C-alpha atoms as a PDB file:
ATOM      1  CA  MET A   1       2.354 -17.517   9.202  1.00  0.00           C
ATOM      2  CA  LYS A   2       1.034 -20.524   7.330  1.00  0.00           C
ATOM      3  CA  GLU A   3       0.965 -23.977   8.852  1.00  0.00           C
ATOM      4  CA  GLY A   4       4.186 -25.900   8.412  1.00  0.00           C
ATOM      5  CA  PHE A   5       6.518 -22.937   8.742  1.00  0.00           C
ATOM      6  CA  THR A   6       7.039 -20.907  11.901  1.00  0.00           C
ATOM      7  CA  PRO A   7       9.922 -18.425  12.076  1.00  0.00           C
ATOM      8  CA  LYS A   8      11.817 -18.052  15.315  1.00  0.00           C
ATOM      9  CA  GLU A   9      10.241 -15.680  17.813  1.00  0.00           C
ATOM     10  CA  ILE A  10      11.528 -12.139  18.143  1.00  0.00           C
ATOM     11  CA  SER A  11      10.781  -9.490  20.727  1.00  0.00           C
ATOM     12  CA  GLU A  12       8.486  -6.520  20.147  1.00  0.00           C
ATOM     13  CA  GLU A  13      11.563  -4.299  20.400  1.00  0.00           C
ATOM     14  CA  GLU A  14      13.281  -6.253  17.622  1.00  0.00           C
ATOM     15  CA  LEU A  15      10.167  -6.116  15.442  1.00  0.00           C
ATOM     16  CA  THR A  16       9.980  -2.355  15.973  1.00  0.00           C
ATOM     17  CA  ALA A  17      13.597  -2.047  14.839  1.00  0.00           C
ATOM     18  CA  ILE A  18      12.823  -4.117  11.727  1.00  0.00           C
ATOM     19  CA  GLU A  19       9.823  -1.872  11.026  1.00  0.00           C
ATOM     20  CA  ARG A  20      12.194   1.092  10.972  1.00  0.00           C
ATOM     21  CA  LEU A  21      14.162  -0.530   8.144  1.00  0.00           C
ATOM     22  CA  PHE A  22      10.905  -0.814   6.211  1.00  0.00           C
ATOM     23  CA  ARG A  23      10.077   2.851   6.834  1.00  0.00           C
ATOM     24  CA  ASP A  24      13.577   3.948   5.843  1.00  0.00           C
ATOM     25  CA  GLY A  25      12.979   2.409   2.413  1.00  0.00           C
ATOM     26  CA  VAL A  26      15.810  -0.114   2.242  1.00  0.00           C
ATOM     27  CA  ASP A  27      16.443  -1.220  -1.336  1.00  0.00           C
ATOM     28  CA  ARG A  28      13.737  -3.735  -2.143  1.00  0.00           C
ATOM     29  CA  LEU A  29      13.904  -7.014  -4.050  1.00  0.00           C
ATOM     30  CA  GLY A  30      10.876  -8.911  -5.311  1.00  0.00           C
ATOM     31  CA  ILE A  31      10.881 -11.822  -2.886  1.00  0.00           C
ATOM     32  CA  ASP A  32       7.862 -14.012  -2.262  1.00  0.00           C
ATOM     33  CA  ILE A  33       8.721 -16.166   0.717  1.00  0.00           C
ATOM     34  CA  ASP A  34       5.562 -18.278   0.343  1.00  0.00           C
ATOM     35  CA  GLU A  35       6.535 -19.293  -3.185  1.00  0.00           C
ATOM     36  CA  TYR A  36       9.738 -20.920  -1.953  1.00  0.00           C
ATOM     37  CA  ARG A  37       8.039 -22.354   1.112  1.00  0.00           C
ATOM     38  CA  LYS A  38       5.382 -24.105  -0.968  1.00  0.00           C
ATOM     39  CA  ILE A  39       7.941 -25.697  -3.275  1.00  0.00           C
ATOM     40  CA  CYS A  40      10.084 -26.860  -0.351  1.00  0.00           C
ATOM     41  CA  GLU A  41       7.154 -28.557   1.405  1.00  0.00           C
ATOM     42  CA  ALA A  42       7.640 -31.518  -0.939  1.00  0.00           C
ATOM     43  CA  ASP A  43      11.174 -32.212   0.308  1.00  0.00           C
ATOM     44  CA  GLU A  44      12.183 -32.419   3.980  1.00  0.00           C
ATOM     45  CA  ASP A  45      15.825 -31.470   3.327  1.00  0.00           C
ATOM     46  CA  ALA A  46      14.778 -28.439   1.266  1.00  0.00           C
ATOM     47  CA  LYS A  47      12.299 -27.421   3.968  1.00  0.00           C
ATOM     48  CA  GLU A  48      14.952 -27.648   6.681  1.00  0.00           C
ATOM     49  CA  LEU A  49      17.529 -25.706   4.647  1.00  0.00           C
ATOM     50  CA  PHE A  50      14.915 -23.092   3.770  1.00  0.00           C
ATOM     51  CA  GLU A  51      13.948 -22.569   7.401  1.00  0.00           C
ATOM     52  CA  ASP A  52      17.621 -22.388   8.427  1.00  0.00           C
ATOM     53  CA  MET A  53      18.170 -19.690   5.802  1.00  0.00           C
ATOM     54  CA  VAL A  54      15.104 -17.709   6.872  1.00  0.00           C
ATOM     55  CA  ASP A  55      16.066 -17.832  10.552  1.00  0.00           C
ATOM     56  CA  LYS A  56      19.609 -16.694   9.785  1.00  0.00           C
ATOM     57  CA  CYS A  57      18.315 -13.863   7.580  1.00  0.00           C
ATOM     58  CA  LEU A  58      16.123 -12.827  10.503  1.00  0.00           C
ATOM     59  CA  ASP A  59      19.153 -12.868  12.838  1.00  0.00           C
ATOM     60  CA  TYR A  60      21.077 -10.684  10.409  1.00  0.00           C
ATOM     61  CA  THR A  61      18.237  -8.195  10.012  1.00  0.00           C
ATOM     62  CA  VAL A  62      17.877  -7.864  13.772  1.00  0.00           C
ATOM     63  CA  ASP A  63      21.640  -7.260  14.098  1.00  0.00           C
ATOM     64  CA  VAL A  64      21.565  -4.591  11.379  1.00  0.00           C
ATOM     65  CA  SER A  65      18.569  -2.830  12.906  1.00  0.00           C
ATOM     66  CA  ASN A  66      20.153  -2.959  16.376  1.00  0.00           C
ATOM     67  CA  MET A  67      23.424  -1.546  15.027  1.00  0.00           C
ATOM     68  CA  GLU A  68      21.601   1.337  13.313  1.00  0.00           C
ATOM     69  CA  ARG A  69      19.516   2.010  16.400  1.00  0.00           C
ATOM     70  CA  HIS A  70      22.642   2.095  18.566  1.00  0.00           C
ATOM     71  CA  ALA A  71      24.324   4.559  16.191  1.00  0.00           C
ATOM     72  CA  ARG A  72      21.212   6.738  16.149  1.00  0.00           C
ATOM     73  CA  GLU A  73      20.428   6.714  19.871  1.00  0.00           C
ATOM     74  CA  GLN A  74      23.976   6.630  21.236  1.00  0.00           C
ATOM     75  CA  PRO A  75      26.148   8.486  18.705  1.00  0.00           C
ATOM     76  CA  HIS A  76      28.821   9.241  21.317  1.00  0.00           C
ATOM     77  CA  SER A  77      29.039   5.804  22.926  1.00  0.00           C
ATOM     78  CA  ASP A  78      32.369   4.093  23.596  1.00  0.00           C
ATOM     79  CA  ILE A  79      34.083   2.826  20.462  1.00  0.00           C
ATOM     80  CA  GLU A  80      34.389  -0.601  22.111  1.00  0.00           C
ATOM     81  CA  ASP A  81      30.598  -0.879  22.396  1.00  0.00           C
ATOM     82  CA  SER A  82      30.135   0.108  18.758  1.00  0.00           C
ATOM     83  CA  GLU A  83      32.811  -2.338  17.597  1.00  0.00           C
ATOM     84  CA  ALA A  84      31.240  -5.172  19.606  1.00  0.00           C
ATOM     85  CA  ILE A  85      27.858  -4.583  17.943  1.00  0.00           C
ATOM     86  CA  SER A  86      29.463  -4.273  14.510  1.00  0.00           C
ATOM     87  CA  ASN A  87      31.519  -7.447  14.989  1.00  0.00           C
ATOM     88  CA  LYS A  88      28.425  -9.391  16.001  1.00  0.00           C
ATOM     89  CA  ARG A  89      26.723  -8.237  12.801  1.00  0.00           C
ATOM     90  CA  LYS A  90      29.751  -9.316  10.720  1.00  0.00           C
ATOM     91  CA  ILE A  91      29.732 -12.802  12.259  1.00  0.00           C
ATOM     92  CA  THR A  92      26.007 -13.145  11.599  1.00  0.00           C
ATOM     93  CA  HIS A  93      26.527 -11.815   8.062  1.00  0.00           C
ATOM     94  CA  ASN A  94      29.080 -14.551   7.312  1.00  0.00           C
ATOM     95  CA  ALA A  95      26.731 -17.243   8.604  1.00  0.00           C
ATOM     96  CA  THR A  96      23.845 -15.745   6.623  1.00  0.00           C
ATOM     97  CA  VAL A  97      25.829 -15.790   3.372  1.00  0.00           C
ATOM     98  CA  ASP A  98      26.639 -19.473   3.986  1.00  0.00           C
ATOM     99  CA  ARG A  99      22.978 -20.388   4.638  1.00  0.00           C
ATOM    100  CA  ILE A 100      21.779 -18.512   1.554  1.00  0.00           C
ATOM    101  CA  ASN A 101      24.346 -20.220  -0.682  1.00  0.00           C
ATOM    102  CA  ILE A 102      23.658 -23.694   0.742  1.00  0.00           C
ATOM    103  CA  PHE A 103      19.908 -23.356   0.213  1.00  0.00           C
ATOM    104  CA  ALA A 104      20.276 -21.751  -3.232  1.00  0.00           C
ATOM    105  CA  ARG A 105      22.528 -24.574  -4.485  1.00  0.00           C
ATOM    106  CA  TYR A 106      20.288 -27.312  -3.112  1.00  0.00           C
ATOM    107  CA  PHE A 107      17.099 -25.649  -4.373  1.00  0.00           C
ATOM    108  CA  SER A 108      18.498 -25.180  -7.865  1.00  0.00           C
ATOM    109  CA  LYS A 109      19.814 -28.756  -8.085  1.00  0.00           C
ATOM    110  CA  LYS A 110      16.789 -30.449  -6.507  1.00  0.00           C
ATOM    111  CA  PHE A 111      14.042 -28.609  -8.371  1.00  0.00           C
ATOM    112  CA  GLY A 112      15.878 -27.736 -11.572  1.00  0.00           C
ATOM    113  CA  LYS A 113      15.315 -24.030 -11.140  1.00  0.00           C
ATOM    114  CA  ARG A 114      17.726 -21.195 -11.791  1.00  0.00           C
ATOM    115  CA  SER A 115      19.396 -20.020  -8.597  1.00  0.00           C
ATOM    116  CA  PHE A 116      17.970 -16.847  -7.115  1.00  0.00           C
ATOM    117  CA  VAL A 117      21.550 -15.817  -6.260  1.00  0.00           C
ATOM    118  CA  THR A 118      22.062 -13.899  -9.492  1.00  0.00           C
ATOM    119  CA  TRP A 119      24.643 -11.504  -8.120  1.00  0.00           C
ATOM    120  CA  ASP A 120      28.420 -11.802  -7.754  1.00  0.00           C
ATOM    121  CA  GLY A 121      29.179 -14.314  -5.004  1.00  0.00           C
ATOM    122  CA  ASN A 122      31.645 -11.840  -3.476  1.00  0.00           C
ATOM    123  CA  ASP A 123      29.039  -9.071  -3.229  1.00  0.00           C
ATOM    124  CA  ARG A 124      28.396  -9.194   0.506  1.00  0.00           C
ATOM    125  CA  PHE A 125      26.215  -6.110   0.359  1.00  0.00           C
ATOM    126  CA  ARG A 126      23.830  -7.859  -2.028  1.00  0.00           C
ATOM    127  CA  TYR A 127      23.534 -10.840   0.317  1.00  0.00           C
ATOM    128  CA  GLY A 128      22.692  -8.443   3.134  1.00  0.00           C
ATOM    129  CA  ILE A 129      19.996  -6.727   1.080  1.00  0.00           C
ATOM    130  CA  PHE A 130      18.539 -10.131   0.181  1.00  0.00           C
ATOM    131  CA  ALA A 131      18.437 -11.151   3.868  1.00  0.00           C
ATOM    132  CA  ILE A 132      16.746  -7.922   4.952  1.00  0.00           C
ATOM    133  CA  ASN A 133      14.193  -8.094   2.164  1.00  0.00           C
ATOM    134  CA  LEU A 134      13.367 -11.711   2.934  1.00  0.00           C
ATOM    135  CA  THR A 135      12.766 -10.714   6.564  1.00  0.00           C
ATOM    136  CA  LEU A 136      10.616  -7.729   5.579  1.00  0.00           C
ATOM    137  CA  ASN A 137       8.590 -10.048   3.360  1.00  0.00           C
ATOM    138  CA  LEU A 138       8.141 -12.417   6.295  1.00  0.00           C
ATOM    139  CA  PHE A 139       6.669  -9.706   8.528  1.00  0.00           C
ATOM    140  CA  LYS A 140       5.291  -7.405   5.826  1.00  0.00           C
ATOM    141  CA  ASN A 141       1.620  -7.829   6.647  1.00  0.00           C
ATOM    142  CA  LYS A 142       2.082  -7.098  10.359  1.00  0.00           C
ATOM    143  CA  ILE A 143       4.428  -4.183   9.649  1.00  0.00           C
ATOM    144  CA  LEU A 144       1.983  -2.553   7.257  1.00  0.00           C
ATOM    145  CA  VAL A 145      -0.989  -2.927   9.574  1.00  0.00           C
ATOM    146  CA  ASP A 146       1.059  -1.566  12.494  1.00  0.00           C
ATOM    147  CA  LEU A 147       1.941   1.448  10.355  1.00  0.00           C
ATOM    148  CA  ILE A 148      -1.720   1.974   9.460  1.00  0.00           C
ATOM    149  CA  LYS A 149      -2.700   1.876  13.123  1.00  0.00           C
ATOM    150  CA  GLU A 150       0.128   4.203  14.070  1.00  0.00           C
ATOM    151  CA  LYS A 151      -0.761   6.757  11.419  1.00  0.00           C
ATOM    152  CA  ASN A 152      -4.383   6.845  12.550  1.00  0.00           C
ATOM    153  CA  ALA A 153      -4.005   6.250  16.284  1.00  0.00           C
ATOM    154  CA  SER A 154      -6.614   3.515  16.133  1.00  0.00           C
ATOM    155  CA  ALA A 155      -6.571  -0.226  16.632  1.00  0.00           C
ATOM    156  CA  GLU A 156      -9.629  -0.603  14.423  1.00  0.00           C
ATOM    157  CA  ILE A 157      -9.527   0.681  10.850  1.00  0.00           C
ATOM    158  CA  ASP A 158     -12.904   1.298   9.192  1.00  0.00           C
ATOM    159  CA  THR A 159     -12.630   2.628   5.652  1.00  0.00           C
ATOM    160  CA  SER A 160     -16.361   2.602   4.853  1.00  0.00           C
ATOM    161  CA  SER A 161     -16.910   6.249   5.748  1.00  0.00           C
ATOM    162  CA  LEU A 162     -13.842   7.256   3.739  1.00  0.00           C
ATOM    163  CA  ARG A 163     -15.288   5.826   0.528  1.00  0.00           C
ATOM    164  CA  GLU A 164     -17.895   8.541   0.190  1.00  0.00           C
ATOM    165  CA  SER A 165     -16.812  10.927  -2.585  1.00  0.00           C
ATOM    166  CA  ALA A 166     -13.462   9.111  -2.929  1.00  0.00           C
ATOM    167  CA  THR A 167     -11.697   9.247  -6.288  1.00  0.00           C
ATOM    168  CA  ALA A 168     -10.913   6.091  -8.258  1.00  0.00           C
ATOM    169  CA  GLN A 169      -7.306   6.153  -7.038  1.00  0.00           C
ATOM    170  CA  GLU A 170      -8.388   6.717  -3.440  1.00  0.00           C
ATOM    171  CA  LEU A 171     -10.728   3.724  -3.666  1.00  0.00           C
ATOM    172  CA  LEU A 172      -7.770   1.575  -4.707  1.00  0.00           C
ATOM    173  CA  VAL A 173      -5.828   2.819  -1.673  1.00  0.00           C
ATOM    174  CA  LEU A 174      -8.761   1.948   0.597  1.00  0.00           C
ATOM    175  CA  ASP A 175      -9.089  -1.498  -1.003  1.00  0.00           C
ATOM    176  CA  TYR A 176      -5.390  -2.050  -0.271  1.00  0.00           C
ATOM    177  CA  VAL A 177      -5.804  -1.147   3.390  1.00  0.00           C
ATOM    178  CA  ASP A 178      -8.934  -3.293   3.770  1.00  0.00           C
ATOM    179  CA  ILE A 179      -7.146  -6.400   2.467  1.00  0.00           C
ATOM    180  CA  LEU A 180      -4.288  -5.977   4.938  1.00  0.00           C
ATOM    181  CA  CYS A 181      -6.527  -5.264   7.918  1.00  0.00           C
ATOM    182  CA  ILE A 182      -8.887  -8.172   7.273  1.00  0.00           C
ATOM    183  CA  ALA A 183      -5.983 -10.650   7.187  1.00  0.00           C
ATOM    184  CA  GLU A 184      -4.508  -9.184  10.347  1.00  0.00           C
ATOM    185  CA  LYS A 185      -7.856  -9.172  12.168  1.00  0.00           C
ATOM    186  CA  GLU A 186      -8.367 -12.836  11.271  1.00  0.00           C
ATOM    187  CA  ASP A 187      -4.789 -13.558  12.383  1.00  0.00           C
ATOM    188  CA  ARG A 188      -3.801 -15.296   9.172  1.00  0.00           C
ATOM    189  CA  PRO A 189      -1.362 -14.768   6.295  1.00  0.00           C
ATOM    190  CA  LEU A 190      -2.500 -13.193   3.080  1.00  0.00           C
ATOM    191  CA  LEU A 191      -4.248 -15.543   0.681  1.00  0.00           C
ATOM    192  CA  ASP A 192      -2.793 -15.941  -2.800  1.00  0.00           C
ATOM    193  CA  GLU A 193      -5.668 -13.969  -4.342  1.00  0.00           C
ATOM    194  CA  GLU A 194      -5.187 -11.197  -1.778  1.00  0.00           C
ATOM    195  CA  LYS A 195      -1.462 -10.961  -2.520  1.00  0.00           C
ATOM    196  CA  SER A 196      -2.283 -10.851  -6.215  1.00  0.00           C
ATOM    197  CA  LYS A 197      -4.764  -8.033  -5.620  1.00  0.00           C
ATOM    198  CA  LEU A 198      -2.240  -6.037  -3.577  1.00  0.00           C
ATOM    199  CA  SER A 199       0.347  -6.404  -6.333  1.00  0.00           C
ATOM    200  CA  GLN A 200      -2.233  -5.328  -8.895  1.00  0.00           C
ATOM    201  CA  ILE A 201      -3.080  -2.203  -6.890  1.00  0.00           C
ATOM    202  CA  GLU A 202       0.621  -1.365  -6.456  1.00  0.00           C
ATOM    203  CA  ALA A 203       1.062  -1.668 -10.224  1.00  0.00           C
ATOM    204  CA  GLU A 204      -2.028   0.430 -11.016  1.00  0.00           C
ATOM    205  CA  LEU A 205      -0.971   3.172  -8.627  1.00  0.00           C
ATOM    206  CA  ASN A 206       2.718   2.737  -9.512  1.00  0.00           C
ATOM    207  CA  GLN A 207       3.551   2.984  -5.819  1.00  0.00           C
ATOM    208  CA  THR A 208       5.268   0.851  -3.184  1.00  0.00           C
ATOM    209  CA  ALA A 209       3.343  -0.345  -0.129  1.00  0.00           C
ATOM    210  CA  ASP A 210       4.717   2.341   2.180  1.00  0.00           C
ATOM    211  CA  LYS A 211       3.775   5.080  -0.296  1.00  0.00           C
ATOM    212  CA  ILE A 212       0.238   3.711  -0.535  1.00  0.00           C
ATOM    213  CA  LEU A 213      -0.047   3.821   3.253  1.00  0.00           C
ATOM    214  CA  GLY A 214       1.141   7.416   3.145  1.00  0.00           C
ATOM    215  CA  ALA A 215      -1.668   8.153   0.666  1.00  0.00           C
ATOM    216  CA  PHE A 216      -4.138   6.462   3.013  1.00  0.00           C
ATOM    217  CA  HIS A 217      -2.964   8.682   5.849  1.00  0.00           C
ATOM    218  CA  GLN A 218      -3.610  11.773   3.717  1.00  0.00           C
ATOM    219  CA  ILE A 219      -7.118  10.554   2.867  1.00  0.00           C
ATOM    220  CA  TYR A 220      -7.800   9.939   6.558  1.00  0.00           C
ATOM    221  CA  ILE A 221      -6.590  13.292   7.893  1.00  0.00           C
ATOM    222  CA  ARG A 222      -8.433  15.212   5.168  1.00  0.00           C
ATOM    223  CA  ARG A 223     -11.666  13.564   6.234  1.00  0.00           C
ATOM    224  CA  TYR A 224     -11.126  13.750   9.988  1.00  0.00           C
END
């Protein structure tokens, strides 16, 4: 993550649970966390409110992923256990809605921009989707690279040999993977030009990131 903003630490188990939400294709919103972060750097109050919102969205996403994991792995558990997990998520959800609204109001007033909360203020589901998407955006690069490694059982991804006889669309897929892996290998966030290139490839292929990684997997297994 870029200097000046560090999200709270989460465990590998929690990150794995968040990755599952990404794989399951939760409804996506176009959220660029760096865009808001950059604007907020100019104002300490905005920066603090932004980080509070991000941390609470992360808490909510972890609670949702834990609740879904519990339901999946322990479908016949005691109702008291399930209710305790669900109640924790509800409490976090309420706090998350508050943090989102506080930041959205301040951001809109301070910087004269239209609030990103464009949905009905009573639509709790929409707030939840926003929180999950913001979290996925926060960890997107790591999630995608982890998925690439998982699909190919390799910690090092070398696409050079795959480029031989590749079609134009396959070359775009390989370019996409290279950008992600280079940033991860250098342990840095995506540069603006890299994010722009990824978005351009997604538009040209008319595919979401997870679908592009699926295409990469097919290219890889056909070759090896």
